[in-house]
Amino acid sequence: MRLLFLLSLALVLIGSGCATTREHQKETAALHLQIATAHIKSQNYPMALKELLQAEENDPTNPVVQANLGLVYFMRERYELSEKHYKNAIQLQPNFTEAKNNLARSYIELGKLNLAEPILKDVLSDLTFVNYLSAHANYGLLEFKRQNYQQAIFHFRKVLEKDRENCFSQVYLGRSYLEQKNISLAVTQLERSIPFCSQAESDEAHYYSAIALYRDGQKDKARYRFEELIKLFPNGANYEKAQKMLTIVKKETL
């Protein structure tokens, strides 16, 4: 009987030890997650990833860790890995609307447009989702890529009704007008978007405004916008394209 009692006691102690270890691992994961979040806010994605991988190692079933891994991989343009981790987050927490919204965006970048749409409908049906404007922005991008420009305009306008300084929606609204060949509206909209995108350190508004001005026959103004982009955004995503367009415009305005 005494031997049996000692064995039972040992099992209890072992179980308690495991519980303590698990709690310690969760606390360690939470600390790494907190550090990772700070790195994400400062756009230091390599360090954020390092911290998140350590968090995942300590707490592999934490949906927030998985969602943040999805975010970091998305920002590094590793969309397949982003998709994987957002799916993990949703599997662990089926009502994780933020992860669903971001998964839809990953699908859009991967060209899986038909998979993105039902998720975005689900996201917008969640009236408790605080960040619903980003879902409208994602839906607008989805419709833009489908060439459903009027539907895209609807969603981008929804964003701008509440957040007029949103560079992404400002530019894509203008680009939607441009694709509809409504050049006058495109010029007005894209010119309007420039201060918001400059504040966000994005060259998108300058580039597409210059394109709209060029198509509208306002080549001197287009030249000015291309030159301004090259001066202000030497590391911008559209820098090289702006240089090529500037060469074309200069030849045509000699």
C-alpha atoms as a PDB file:
ATOM      1  CA  MET A   1       0.000   0.000   0.000  1.00  0.00           C
ATOM      2  CA  ARG A   2       2.826   2.387   0.893  1.00  0.00           C
ATOM      3  CA  LEU A   3       4.504   1.697  -2.473  1.00  0.00           C
ATOM      4  CA  LEU A   4       1.258   2.428  -4.315  1.00  0.00           C
ATOM      5  CA  PHE A   5       0.853   5.713  -2.399  1.00  0.00           C
ATOM      6  CA  LEU A   6       4.387   6.815  -3.270  1.00  0.00           C
ATOM      7  CA  LEU A   7       3.807   6.020  -6.936  1.00  0.00           C
ATOM      8  CA  SER A   8       0.592   8.058  -6.992  1.00  0.00           C
ATOM      9  CA  LEU A   9       2.311  10.970  -5.297  1.00  0.00           C
ATOM     10  CA  ALA A  10       5.139  10.870  -7.821  1.00  0.00           C
ATOM     11  CA  LEU A  11       2.645  11.011 -10.702  1.00  0.00           C
ATOM     12  CA  VAL A  12       0.928  14.022  -9.159  1.00  0.00           C
ATOM     13  CA  LEU A  13       4.230  15.801  -8.717  1.00  0.00           C
ATOM     14  CA  ILE A  14       5.265  14.999 -12.299  1.00  0.00           C
ATOM     15  CA  GLY A  15       1.932  16.313 -13.564  1.00  0.00           C
ATOM     16  CA  SER A  16       2.327  19.502 -11.542  1.00  0.00           C
ATOM     17  CA  GLY A  17       5.809  19.918 -12.922  1.00  0.00           C
ATOM     18  CA  CYS A  18       4.485  19.655 -16.493  1.00  0.00           C
ATOM     19  CA  ALA A  19       1.794  22.220 -15.746  1.00  0.00           C
ATOM     20  CA  THR A  20       4.394  24.580 -14.308  1.00  0.00           C
ATOM     21  CA  THR A  21       6.597  24.081 -17.365  1.00  0.00           C
ATOM     22  CA  ARG A  22       3.686  24.772 -19.706  1.00  0.00           C
ATOM     23  CA  GLU A  23       2.807  27.954 -17.828  1.00  0.00           C
ATOM     24  CA  HIS A  24       6.427  29.057 -17.990  1.00  0.00           C
ATOM     25  CA  GLN A  25       6.516  28.382 -21.732  1.00  0.00           C
ATOM     26  CA  LYS A  26       3.342  30.421 -22.245  1.00  0.00           C
ATOM     27  CA  GLU A  27       4.817  33.306 -20.267  1.00  0.00           C
ATOM     28  CA  THR A  28       8.012  33.098 -22.296  1.00  0.00           C
ATOM     29  CA  ALA A  29       5.980  33.078 -25.528  1.00  0.00           C
ATOM     30  CA  ALA A  30       3.990  36.106 -24.354  1.00  0.00           C
ATOM     31  CA  LEU A  31       7.224  38.000 -23.699  1.00  0.00           C
ATOM     32  CA  HIS A  32       8.592  37.184 -27.167  1.00  0.00           C
ATOM     33  CA  LEU A  33       5.231  38.163 -28.689  1.00  0.00           C
ATOM     34  CA  GLN A  34       5.330  41.515 -26.910  1.00  0.00           C
ATOM     35  CA  ILE A  35       8.840  42.208 -28.208  1.00  0.00           C
ATOM     36  CA  ALA A  36       7.801  41.097 -31.709  1.00  0.00           C
ATOM     37  CA  THR A  37       4.849  43.482 -31.666  1.00  0.00           C
ATOM     38  CA  ALA A  38       7.177  46.389 -30.927  1.00  0.00           C
ATOM     39  CA  HIS A  39       9.406  45.351 -33.829  1.00  0.00           C
ATOM     40  CA  ILE A  40       6.381  45.106 -36.146  1.00  0.00           C
ATOM     41  CA  LYS A  41       5.309  48.635 -35.209  1.00  0.00           C
ATOM     42  CA  SER A  42       8.787  49.910 -36.071  1.00  0.00           C
ATOM     43  CA  GLN A  43       8.751  47.814 -39.296  1.00  0.00           C
ATOM     44  CA  ASN A  44      11.755  45.766 -38.195  1.00  0.00           C
ATOM     45  CA  TYR A  45      10.351  42.573 -39.670  1.00  0.00           C
ATOM     46  CA  PRO A  46      13.486  40.369 -39.451  1.00  0.00           C
ATOM     47  CA  MET A  47      13.713  40.919 -35.694  1.00  0.00           C
ATOM     48  CA  ALA A  48       9.950  40.506 -35.353  1.00  0.00           C
ATOM     49  CA  LEU A  49      10.154  37.162 -37.134  1.00  0.00           C
ATOM     50  CA  LYS A  50      12.983  36.018 -34.878  1.00  0.00           C
ATOM     51  CA  GLU A  51      10.925  36.781 -31.776  1.00  0.00           C
ATOM     52  CA  LEU A  52       7.761  35.226 -33.196  1.00  0.00           C
ATOM     53  CA  LEU A  53       9.511  31.980 -34.071  1.00  0.00           C
ATOM     54  CA  GLN A  54      10.685  31.746 -30.464  1.00  0.00           C
ATOM     55  CA  ALA A  55       7.173  32.486 -29.289  1.00  0.00           C
ATOM     56  CA  GLU A  56       5.826  29.759 -31.567  1.00  0.00           C
ATOM     57  CA  GLU A  57       8.379  27.283 -30.230  1.00  0.00           C
ATOM     58  CA  ASN A  58       7.188  27.939 -26.675  1.00  0.00           C
ATOM     59  CA  ASP A  59       3.467  28.172 -27.441  1.00  0.00           C
ATOM     60  CA  PRO A  60       2.633  26.588 -30.828  1.00  0.00           C
ATOM     61  CA  THR A  61      -1.141  26.749 -30.251  1.00  0.00           C
ATOM     62  CA  ASN A  62      -1.324  30.486 -29.624  1.00  0.00           C
ATOM     63  CA  PRO A  63      -3.515  31.968 -32.394  1.00  0.00           C
ATOM     64  CA  VAL A  64      -2.138  35.486 -31.913  1.00  0.00           C
ATOM     65  CA  VAL A  65       1.406  34.244 -32.498  1.00  0.00           C
ATOM     66  CA  GLN A  66       0.247  32.484 -35.670  1.00  0.00           C
ATOM     67  CA  ALA A  67      -1.585  35.583 -36.896  1.00  0.00           C
ATOM     68  CA  ASN A  68       1.457  37.773 -36.319  1.00  0.00           C
ATOM     69  CA  LEU A  69       3.641  35.278 -38.169  1.00  0.00           C
ATOM     70  CA  GLY A  70       1.166  35.585 -41.024  1.00  0.00           C
ATOM     71  CA  LEU A  71       1.495  39.365 -40.896  1.00  0.00           C
ATOM     72  CA  VAL A  72       5.297  39.373 -40.901  1.00  0.00           C
ATOM     73  CA  TYR A  73       5.500  36.887 -43.765  1.00  0.00           C
ATOM     74  CA  PHE A  74       2.978  39.010 -45.667  1.00  0.00           C
ATOM     75  CA  MET A  75       5.070  42.136 -45.185  1.00  0.00           C
ATOM     76  CA  ARG A  76       8.112  40.207 -46.450  1.00  0.00           C
ATOM     77  CA  GLU A  77       6.039  39.164 -49.495  1.00  0.00           C
ATOM     78  CA  ARG A  78       6.138  35.491 -48.568  1.00  0.00           C
ATOM     79  CA  TYR A  79       2.449  35.078 -49.248  1.00  0.00           C
ATOM     80  CA  GLU A  80       2.321  31.261 -49.170  1.00  0.00           C
ATOM     81  CA  LEU A  81       3.761  31.243 -45.644  1.00  0.00           C
ATOM     82  CA  SER A  82       1.446  34.095 -44.706  1.00  0.00           C
ATOM     83  CA  GLU A  83      -1.531  32.027 -45.876  1.00  0.00           C
ATOM     84  CA  LYS A  84      -0.337  29.012 -43.881  1.00  0.00           C
ATOM     85  CA  HIS A  85      -0.052  30.878 -40.582  1.00  0.00           C
ATOM     86  CA  TYR A  86      -3.320  32.776 -40.965  1.00  0.00           C
ATOM     87  CA  LYS A  87      -5.032  29.435 -41.561  1.00  0.00           C
ATOM     88  CA  ASN A  88      -3.371  28.086 -38.421  1.00  0.00           C
ATOM     89  CA  ALA A  89      -4.649  31.064 -36.419  1.00  0.00           C
ATOM     90  CA  ILE A  90      -8.205  30.569 -37.654  1.00  0.00           C
ATOM     91  CA  GLN A  91      -8.102  26.839 -36.989  1.00  0.00           C
ATOM     92  CA  LEU A  92      -7.034  27.568 -33.411  1.00  0.00           C
ATOM     93  CA  GLN A  93      -9.609  30.365 -33.011  1.00  0.00           C
ATOM     94  CA  PRO A  94     -12.457  30.071 -35.549  1.00  0.00           C
ATOM     95  CA  ASN A  95     -13.932  33.494 -34.682  1.00  0.00           C
ATOM     96  CA  PHE A  96     -10.616  35.324 -35.275  1.00  0.00           C
ATOM     97  CA  THR A  97     -11.995  37.920 -37.710  1.00  0.00           C
ATOM     98  CA  GLU A  98      -8.768  39.918 -38.041  1.00  0.00           C
ATOM     99  CA  ALA A  99      -6.929  36.786 -39.155  1.00  0.00           C
ATOM    100  CA  LYS A 100      -9.705  36.037 -41.656  1.00  0.00           C
ATOM    101  CA  ASN A 101      -9.468  39.526 -43.122  1.00  0.00           C
ATOM    102  CA  ASN A 102      -5.711  39.215 -43.481  1.00  0.00           C
ATOM    103  CA  LEU A 103      -5.998  35.720 -44.951  1.00  0.00           C
ATOM    104  CA  ALA A 104      -8.291  37.172 -47.620  1.00  0.00           C
ATOM    105  CA  ARG A 105      -5.634  39.765 -48.443  1.00  0.00           C
ATOM    106  CA  SER A 106      -3.021  37.002 -48.760  1.00  0.00           C
ATOM    107  CA  TYR A 107      -5.352  35.148 -51.131  1.00  0.00           C
ATOM    108  CA  ILE A 108      -5.697  38.318 -53.231  1.00  0.00           C
ATOM    109  CA  GLU A 109      -1.926  38.677 -53.510  1.00  0.00           C
ATOM    110  CA  LEU A 110      -1.678  35.012 -54.497  1.00  0.00           C
ATOM    111  CA  GLY A 111      -4.362  35.467 -57.161  1.00  0.00           C
ATOM    112  CA  LYS A 112      -6.809  33.195 -55.329  1.00  0.00           C
ATOM    113  CA  LEU A 113      -9.606  35.702 -55.785  1.00  0.00           C
ATOM    114  CA  ASN A 114     -12.484  33.220 -55.530  1.00  0.00           C
ATOM    115  CA  LEU A 115     -11.204  32.075 -52.129  1.00  0.00           C
ATOM    116  CA  ALA A 116     -10.931  35.654 -50.861  1.00  0.00           C
ATOM    117  CA  GLU A 117     -14.510  36.723 -51.574  1.00  0.00           C
ATOM    118  CA  PRO A 118     -16.466  34.442 -49.187  1.00  0.00           C
ATOM    119  CA  ILE A 119     -14.009  35.250 -46.405  1.00  0.00           C
ATOM    120  CA  LEU A 120     -14.465  38.989 -46.906  1.00  0.00           C
ATOM    121  CA  LYS A 121     -18.244  38.571 -46.883  1.00  0.00           C
ATOM    122  CA  ASP A 122     -17.898  36.694 -43.595  1.00  0.00           C
ATOM    123  CA  VAL A 123     -15.638  39.402 -42.182  1.00  0.00           C
ATOM    124  CA  LEU A 124     -18.047  42.208 -43.107  1.00  0.00           C
ATOM    125  CA  SER A 125     -20.930  40.280 -41.551  1.00  0.00           C
ATOM    126  CA  ASP A 126     -19.166  40.456 -38.175  1.00  0.00           C
ATOM    127  CA  LEU A 127     -20.571  43.707 -36.804  1.00  0.00           C
ATOM    128  CA  THR A 128     -18.209  43.529 -33.819  1.00  0.00           C
ATOM    129  CA  PHE A 129     -15.126  43.740 -36.044  1.00  0.00           C
ATOM    130  CA  VAL A 130     -13.536  47.095 -35.280  1.00  0.00           C
ATOM    131  CA  ASN A 131     -11.211  47.195 -38.283  1.00  0.00           C
ATOM    132  CA  TYR A 132     -13.998  46.788 -40.837  1.00  0.00           C
ATOM    133  CA  LEU A 133     -12.637  49.570 -43.051  1.00  0.00           C
ATOM    134  CA  SER A 134      -9.648  47.398 -43.912  1.00  0.00           C
ATOM    135  CA  ALA A 135     -12.084  44.702 -45.047  1.00  0.00           C
ATOM    136  CA  HIS A 136     -13.677  47.213 -47.422  1.00  0.00           C
ATOM    137  CA  ALA A 137     -10.198  48.154 -48.678  1.00  0.00           C
ATOM    138  CA  ASN A 138      -9.430  44.485 -49.288  1.00  0.00           C
ATOM    139  CA  TYR A 139     -12.770  43.983 -51.031  1.00  0.00           C
ATOM    140  CA  GLY A 140     -12.049  47.012 -53.189  1.00  0.00           C
ATOM    141  CA  LEU A 141      -8.692  45.546 -54.173  1.00  0.00           C
ATOM    142  CA  LEU A 142     -10.356  42.218 -54.966  1.00  0.00           C
ATOM    143  CA  GLU A 143     -12.866  43.888 -57.287  1.00  0.00           C
ATOM    144  CA  PHE A 144     -10.138  46.042 -58.849  1.00  0.00           C
ATOM    145  CA  LYS A 145      -8.146  42.938 -59.740  1.00  0.00           C
ATOM    146  CA  ARG A 146     -11.329  41.401 -61.173  1.00  0.00           C
ATOM    147  CA  GLN A 147     -11.731  44.556 -63.276  1.00  0.00           C
ATOM    148  CA  ASN A 148     -15.062  45.231 -61.578  1.00  0.00           C
ATOM    149  CA  TYR A 149     -14.118  48.875 -61.199  1.00  0.00           C
ATOM    150  CA  GLN A 150     -17.530  50.221 -60.183  1.00  0.00           C
ATOM    151  CA  GLN A 151     -17.693  47.745 -57.307  1.00  0.00           C
ATOM    152  CA  ALA A 152     -14.125  48.631 -56.376  1.00  0.00           C
ATOM    153  CA  ILE A 153     -15.107  52.307 -56.285  1.00  0.00           C
ATOM    154  CA  PHE A 154     -17.991  51.466 -53.932  1.00  0.00           C
ATOM    155  CA  HIS A 155     -15.669  49.829 -51.391  1.00  0.00           C
ATOM    156  CA  PHE A 156     -12.916  52.449 -51.586  1.00  0.00           C
ATOM    157  CA  ARG A 157     -15.487  55.184 -51.054  1.00  0.00           C
ATOM    158  CA  LYS A 158     -16.723  53.295 -47.988  1.00  0.00           C
ATOM    159  CA  VAL A 159     -13.212  53.510 -46.537  1.00  0.00           C
ATOM    160  CA  LEU A 160     -12.791  57.198 -47.379  1.00  0.00           C
ATOM    161  CA  GLU A 161     -16.127  58.132 -45.807  1.00  0.00           C
ATOM    162  CA  LYS A 162     -14.555  57.355 -42.423  1.00  0.00           C
ATOM    163  CA  ASP A 163     -10.837  57.633 -43.147  1.00  0.00           C
ATOM    164  CA  ARG A 164     -10.183  60.270 -45.807  1.00  0.00           C
ATOM    165  CA  GLU A 165      -6.415  60.137 -45.221  1.00  0.00           C
ATOM    166  CA  ASN A 166      -6.169  56.471 -46.227  1.00  0.00           C
ATOM    167  CA  CYS A 167      -3.494  56.537 -48.937  1.00  0.00           C
ATOM    168  CA  PHE A 168      -4.235  53.035 -50.241  1.00  0.00           C
ATOM    169  CA  SER A 169      -7.931  53.711 -50.864  1.00  0.00           C
ATOM    170  CA  GLN A 170      -7.294  57.230 -52.159  1.00  0.00           C
ATOM    171  CA  VAL A 171      -4.918  55.898 -54.821  1.00  0.00           C
ATOM    172  CA  TYR A 172      -6.986  52.870 -55.795  1.00  0.00           C
ATOM    173  CA  LEU A 173     -10.096  55.013 -56.125  1.00  0.00           C
ATOM    174  CA  GLY A 174      -8.169  57.182 -58.580  1.00  0.00           C
ATOM    175  CA  ARG A 175      -6.776  54.154 -60.370  1.00  0.00           C
ATOM    176  CA  SER A 176     -10.294  52.742 -60.711  1.00  0.00           C
ATOM    177  CA  TYR A 177     -11.387  55.951 -62.445  1.00  0.00           C
ATOM    178  CA  LEU A 178      -8.296  55.709 -64.621  1.00  0.00           C
ATOM    179  CA  GLU A 179      -9.160  52.150 -65.671  1.00  0.00           C
ATOM    180  CA  GLN A 180     -12.681  53.309 -66.499  1.00  0.00           C
ATOM    181  CA  LYS A 181     -11.051  55.923 -68.753  1.00  0.00           C
ATOM    182  CA  ASN A 182     -12.655  58.656 -66.683  1.00  0.00           C
ATOM    183  CA  ILE A 183      -9.429  60.624 -66.908  1.00  0.00           C
ATOM    184  CA  SER A 184     -10.710  63.920 -65.507  1.00  0.00           C
ATOM    185  CA  LEU A 185     -11.985  62.271 -62.319  1.00  0.00           C
ATOM    186  CA  ALA A 186      -8.788  60.216 -62.089  1.00  0.00           C
ATOM    187  CA  VAL A 187      -6.589  63.326 -62.244  1.00  0.00           C
ATOM    188  CA  THR A 188      -8.630  65.107 -59.579  1.00  0.00           C
ATOM    189  CA  GLN A 189      -8.685  62.091 -57.281  1.00  0.00           C
ATOM    190  CA  LEU A 190      -5.014  61.187 -57.660  1.00  0.00           C
ATOM    191  CA  GLU A 191      -3.877  64.779 -57.170  1.00  0.00           C
ATOM    192  CA  ARG A 192      -6.008  64.853 -54.022  1.00  0.00           C
ATOM    193  CA  SER A 193      -4.291  61.725 -52.732  1.00  0.00           C
ATOM    194  CA  ILE A 194      -0.737  63.105 -52.946  1.00  0.00           C
ATOM    195  CA  PRO A 195      -0.489  64.778 -49.498  1.00  0.00           C
ATOM    196  CA  PHE A 196      -1.926  61.706 -47.771  1.00  0.00           C
ATOM    197  CA  CYS A 197       0.473  59.330 -49.499  1.00  0.00           C
ATOM    198  CA  SER A 198       3.445  61.637 -49.022  1.00  0.00           C
ATOM    199  CA  GLN A 199       2.708  61.600 -45.310  1.00  0.00           C
ATOM    200  CA  ALA A 200       2.643  57.790 -45.494  1.00  0.00           C
ATOM    201  CA  GLU A 201       6.000  57.859 -47.351  1.00  0.00           C
ATOM    202  CA  SER A 202       4.454  56.247 -50.419  1.00  0.00           C
ATOM    203  CA  ASP A 203       5.176  57.262 -54.017  1.00  0.00           C
ATOM    204  CA  GLU A 204       1.993  55.656 -55.386  1.00  0.00           C
ATOM    205  CA  ALA A 205      -0.014  58.877 -55.624  1.00  0.00           C
ATOM    206  CA  HIS A 206       2.759  60.754 -57.415  1.00  0.00           C
ATOM    207  CA  TYR A 207       3.250  57.977 -59.946  1.00  0.00           C
ATOM    208  CA  TYR A 208      -0.384  57.376 -60.861  1.00  0.00           C
ATOM    209  CA  SER A 209      -1.209  61.068 -60.811  1.00  0.00           C
ATOM    210  CA  ALA A 210       1.600  61.607 -63.318  1.00  0.00           C
ATOM    211  CA  ILE A 211       0.219  58.774 -65.460  1.00  0.00           C
ATOM    212  CA  ALA A 212      -3.273  60.299 -65.344  1.00  0.00           C
ATOM    213  CA  LEU A 213      -1.921  63.749 -66.253  1.00  0.00           C
ATOM    214  CA  TYR A 214       0.043  62.233 -69.137  1.00  0.00           C
ATOM    215  CA  ARG A 215      -3.044  60.468 -70.487  1.00  0.00           C
ATOM    216  CA  ASP A 216      -4.985  63.715 -70.110  1.00  0.00           C
ATOM    217  CA  GLY A 217      -2.456  65.454 -72.345  1.00  0.00           C
ATOM    218  CA  GLN A 218      -1.048  67.554 -69.490  1.00  0.00           C
ATOM    219  CA  LYS A 219       2.516  66.489 -70.220  1.00  0.00           C
ATOM    220  CA  ASP A 220       4.280  69.385 -68.492  1.00  0.00           C
ATOM    221  CA  LYS A 221       2.435  68.660 -65.259  1.00  0.00           C
ATOM    222  CA  ALA A 222       3.087  64.943 -65.678  1.00  0.00           C
ATOM    223  CA  ARG A 223       6.793  65.693 -66.116  1.00  0.00           C
ATOM    224  CA  TYR A 224       6.760  67.755 -62.915  1.00  0.00           C
ATOM    225  CA  ARG A 225       5.151  64.915 -60.948  1.00  0.00           C
ATOM    226  CA  PHE A 226       7.635  62.336 -62.257  1.00  0.00           C
ATOM    227  CA  GLU A 227      10.541  64.634 -61.375  1.00  0.00           C
ATOM    228  CA  GLU A 228       9.075  65.258 -57.937  1.00  0.00           C
ATOM    229  CA  LEU A 229       8.696  61.510 -57.316  1.00  0.00           C
ATOM    230  CA  ILE A 230      12.320  60.877 -58.301  1.00  0.00           C
ATOM    231  CA  LYS A 231      13.489  63.637 -55.956  1.00  0.00           C
ATOM    232  CA  LEU A 232      11.316  62.743 -52.969  1.00  0.00           C
ATOM    233  CA  PHE A 233      11.274  58.935 -53.194  1.00  0.00           C
ATOM    234  CA  PRO A 234      14.683  57.644 -54.389  1.00  0.00           C
ATOM    235  CA  ASN A 235      13.867  54.268 -52.811  1.00  0.00           C
ATOM    236  CA  GLY A 236      10.232  54.236 -53.868  1.00  0.00           C
ATOM    237  CA  ALA A 237       8.502  51.261 -55.465  1.00  0.00           C
ATOM    238  CA  ASN A 238       7.833  53.264 -58.633  1.00  0.00           C
ATOM    239  CA  TYR A 239      11.206  55.033 -58.903  1.00  0.00           C
ATOM    240  CA  GLU A 240      12.511  53.125 -61.923  1.00  0.00           C
ATOM    241  CA  LYS A 241       9.197  53.284 -63.774  1.00  0.00           C
ATOM    242  CA  ALA A 242       9.059  57.026 -63.128  1.00  0.00           C
ATOM    243  CA  GLN A 243      12.538  57.445 -64.607  1.00  0.00           C
ATOM    244  CA  LYS A 244      11.514  55.603 -67.771  1.00  0.00           C
ATOM    245  CA  MET A 245       8.313  57.616 -68.104  1.00  0.00           C
ATOM    246  CA  LEU A 246      10.189  60.857 -67.500  1.00  0.00           C
ATOM    247  CA  THR A 247      12.515  60.037 -70.401  1.00  0.00           C
ATOM    248  CA  ILE A 248       9.487  59.496 -72.663  1.00  0.00           C
ATOM    249  CA  VAL A 249       7.768  62.692 -71.524  1.00  0.00           C
ATOM    250  CA  LYS A 250      10.915  64.782 -71.985  1.00  0.00           C
ATOM    251  CA  LYS A 251      11.246  63.604 -75.592  1.00  0.00           C
ATOM    252  CA  GLU A 252       7.615  64.499 -76.247  1.00  0.00           C
ATOM    253  CA  THR A 253       7.838  67.949 -74.682  1.00  0.00           C
ATOM    254  CA  LEU A 254      11.043  69.139 -76.370  1.00  0.00           C
END
